[in-house]
Amino acid sequence: SPPRSPKFYKGGQFIPGGGRAPKGSGDKEEEDDEEEDIVKVGRFEVNFDRVLGSGGFTQVLRAVDRTASPPLYVAAKRGTAEELRKEAQTLKLVAGHPAIIGLHGFVEDPDPGEAFLFL
C-alpha cells in the first residue's frame, strides 16, 4: 500500500510539515478514543484509516467535502499525478453519463508527482 503522507494540504496546495484535521469534526462514527489519520487535501478531508478498497496500483480512501451543505462523502483515489490526471480528463469527457461515477475534484502535488482524485 502507498505510504501515508506527512504533508498538509490547504487550498489545493500541498504544504510540507503540516498536521491532522481536528478530531470530532461532526462525524459521530469517528468519535472514539483513537485519533484517526485525517489529512486535508484541498477542500476534502481524507481519512487514511478508512480504506474503501485497494488494488494493484492504488488505494481508495474515504473522504468528505465539508464545504458542501450537507457534507458530501466521496471516495479518494490516491496515485501518481500522471495516471490520475488522465483519468480526471477522461471522466470530464463522459460527465453526466448515468453509468459513470462523477468527478468531484483533482488535487496534485507537483513535487513527488502524487495526486488525489475525488469521486
Protein backbone atom coordinates (compact mmCIF):
# COMPACT_ATOMS: atom_id res chain seq x y z
CA SER A 1 0.00 0.00 0.00
CA PRO A 2 1.17 3.57 -0.65
CA PRO A 3 2.94 5.24 2.27
CA ARG A 4 0.99 7.73 4.33
CA SER A 5 1.81 11.30 3.57
CA PRO A 6 3.02 13.57 6.39
CA LYS A 7 2.07 16.60 4.31
CA PHE A 8 -0.78 19.02 4.99
CA TYR A 9 -2.97 20.29 2.20
CA LYS A 10 -4.54 23.74 2.16
CA GLY A 11 -6.47 25.36 -0.65
CA GLY A 12 -5.46 22.64 -3.09
CA GLN A 13 -1.77 23.13 -2.31
CA PHE A 14 0.46 20.60 -0.56
CA ILE A 15 2.23 22.18 2.43
CA PRO A 16 5.12 20.18 3.96
CA GLY A 17 5.25 19.69 7.72
CA GLY A 18 1.52 20.12 8.29
CA GLY A 19 -0.76 18.11 10.55
CA ARG A 20 -4.07 16.41 11.03
CA ALA A 21 -7.56 17.80 10.79
CA PRO A 22 -9.21 18.39 14.16
CA LYS A 23 -10.80 15.33 15.74
CA GLY A 24 -14.53 15.38 16.35
CA SER A 25 -15.43 17.32 13.22
CA GLY A 26 -19.07 16.31 13.46
CA ASP A 27 -18.96 12.68 12.33
CA LYS A 28 -20.39 10.59 15.21
CA GLU A 29 -18.92 7.42 13.74
CA GLU A 30 -15.44 8.95 14.09
CA GLU A 31 -15.97 9.98 17.73
CA ASP A 32 -13.93 7.40 19.61
CA ASP A 33 -10.83 7.17 21.80
CA GLU A 34 -8.38 6.62 18.94
CA GLU A 35 -7.16 9.51 16.84
CA GLU A 36 -7.74 8.87 13.14
CA ASP A 37 -5.28 9.72 10.39
CA ILE A 38 -7.13 12.55 8.60
CA VAL A 39 -5.35 14.86 6.16
CA LYS A 40 -6.70 17.97 4.40
CA VAL A 41 -6.40 17.74 0.61
CA GLY A 42 -7.79 20.88 -0.98
CA ARG A 43 -11.37 21.17 0.27
CA PHE A 44 -11.52 17.48 1.22
CA GLU A 45 -10.61 15.64 4.43
CA VAL A 46 -9.10 12.26 3.54
CA ASN A 47 -9.28 9.53 6.19
CA PHE A 48 -6.26 7.25 5.76
CA ASP A 49 -7.72 4.83 8.34
CA ARG A 50 -10.85 4.20 6.23
CA VAL A 51 -9.73 2.19 3.19
CA LEU A 52 -12.76 1.54 0.97
CA GLY A 53 -10.83 -0.70 -1.40
CA SER A 54 -7.41 -1.39 -2.85
CA GLY A 55 -5.93 -2.85 -5.97
CA GLY A 56 -2.58 -3.48 -7.53
CA PHE A 57 -1.80 0.20 -8.11
CA THR A 58 -3.72 2.31 -5.61
CA GLN A 59 -6.00 2.58 -2.59
CA VAL A 60 -9.43 4.16 -2.42
CA LEU A 61 -9.98 6.05 0.82
CA ARG A 62 -13.00 7.66 2.48
CA ALA A 63 -13.11 11.44 2.22
CA VAL A 64 -15.57 14.24 2.99
CA ASP A 65 -16.11 17.68 1.49
CA ARG A 66 -17.26 19.74 4.47
CA THR A 67 -17.68 22.87 2.30
CA ALA A 68 -20.76 21.23 0.73
CA SER A 69 -24.10 21.55 2.50
CA PRO A 70 -24.79 18.93 3.72
CA PRO A 71 -21.25 17.45 3.88
CA LEU A 72 -20.53 15.27 0.84
CA TYR A 73 -18.85 11.90 1.40
CA VAL A 74 -16.72 10.79 -1.55
CA ALA A 75 -14.07 8.24 -2.47
CA ALA A 76 -10.48 9.50 -2.65
CA LYS A 77 -8.26 7.66 -5.09
CA ARG A 78 -4.54 8.18 -4.46
CA GLY A 79 -1.93 7.57 -7.14
CA THR A 80 0.58 9.12 -9.49
CA ALA A 81 -0.28 12.55 -10.84
CA GLU A 82 0.25 11.44 -14.44
CA GLU A 83 -2.19 8.50 -14.23
CA LEU A 84 -4.85 10.33 -12.23
CA ARG A 85 -4.66 13.44 -14.44
CA LYS A 86 -5.50 11.26 -17.45
CA GLU A 87 -8.34 9.60 -15.53
CA ALA A 88 -9.73 13.01 -14.48
CA GLN A 89 -9.63 14.25 -18.10
CA THR A 90 -11.47 11.13 -19.26
CA LEU A 91 -14.11 11.50 -16.53
CA LYS A 92 -14.69 15.12 -17.61
CA LEU A 93 -15.32 13.94 -21.18
CA VAL A 94 -18.04 11.48 -20.09
CA ALA A 95 -19.50 13.64 -17.29
CA GLY A 96 -23.24 13.27 -16.87
CA HIS A 97 -23.45 9.71 -18.20
CA PRO A 98 -25.75 7.72 -15.87
CA ALA A 99 -23.39 4.71 -15.70
CA ILE A 100 -20.19 6.68 -14.95
CA ILE A 101 -19.19 7.90 -11.48
CA GLY A 102 -18.94 11.68 -11.14
CA LEU A 103 -15.68 13.58 -10.64
CA HIS A 104 -15.75 15.90 -7.59
CA GLY A 105 -12.12 17.04 -7.59
CA PHE A 106 -8.48 16.52 -8.54
CA VAL A 107 -5.59 17.76 -6.37
CA GLU A 108 -1.97 17.35 -7.47
CA ASP A 109 1.32 17.54 -5.56
CA PRO A 110 3.89 18.96 -8.01
CA ASP A 111 6.97 17.77 -6.11
CA PRO A 112 6.82 13.98 -5.83
CA GLY A 113 4.21 13.50 -8.60
CA GLU A 114 1.44 12.30 -6.27
CA ALA A 115 -2.23 13.21 -6.66
CA PHE A 116 -5.74 12.55 -5.38
CA LEU A 117 -8.88 12.03 -7.45
CA PHE A 118 -12.20 12.55 -5.66
CA LEU A 119 -15.16 10.55 -6.96
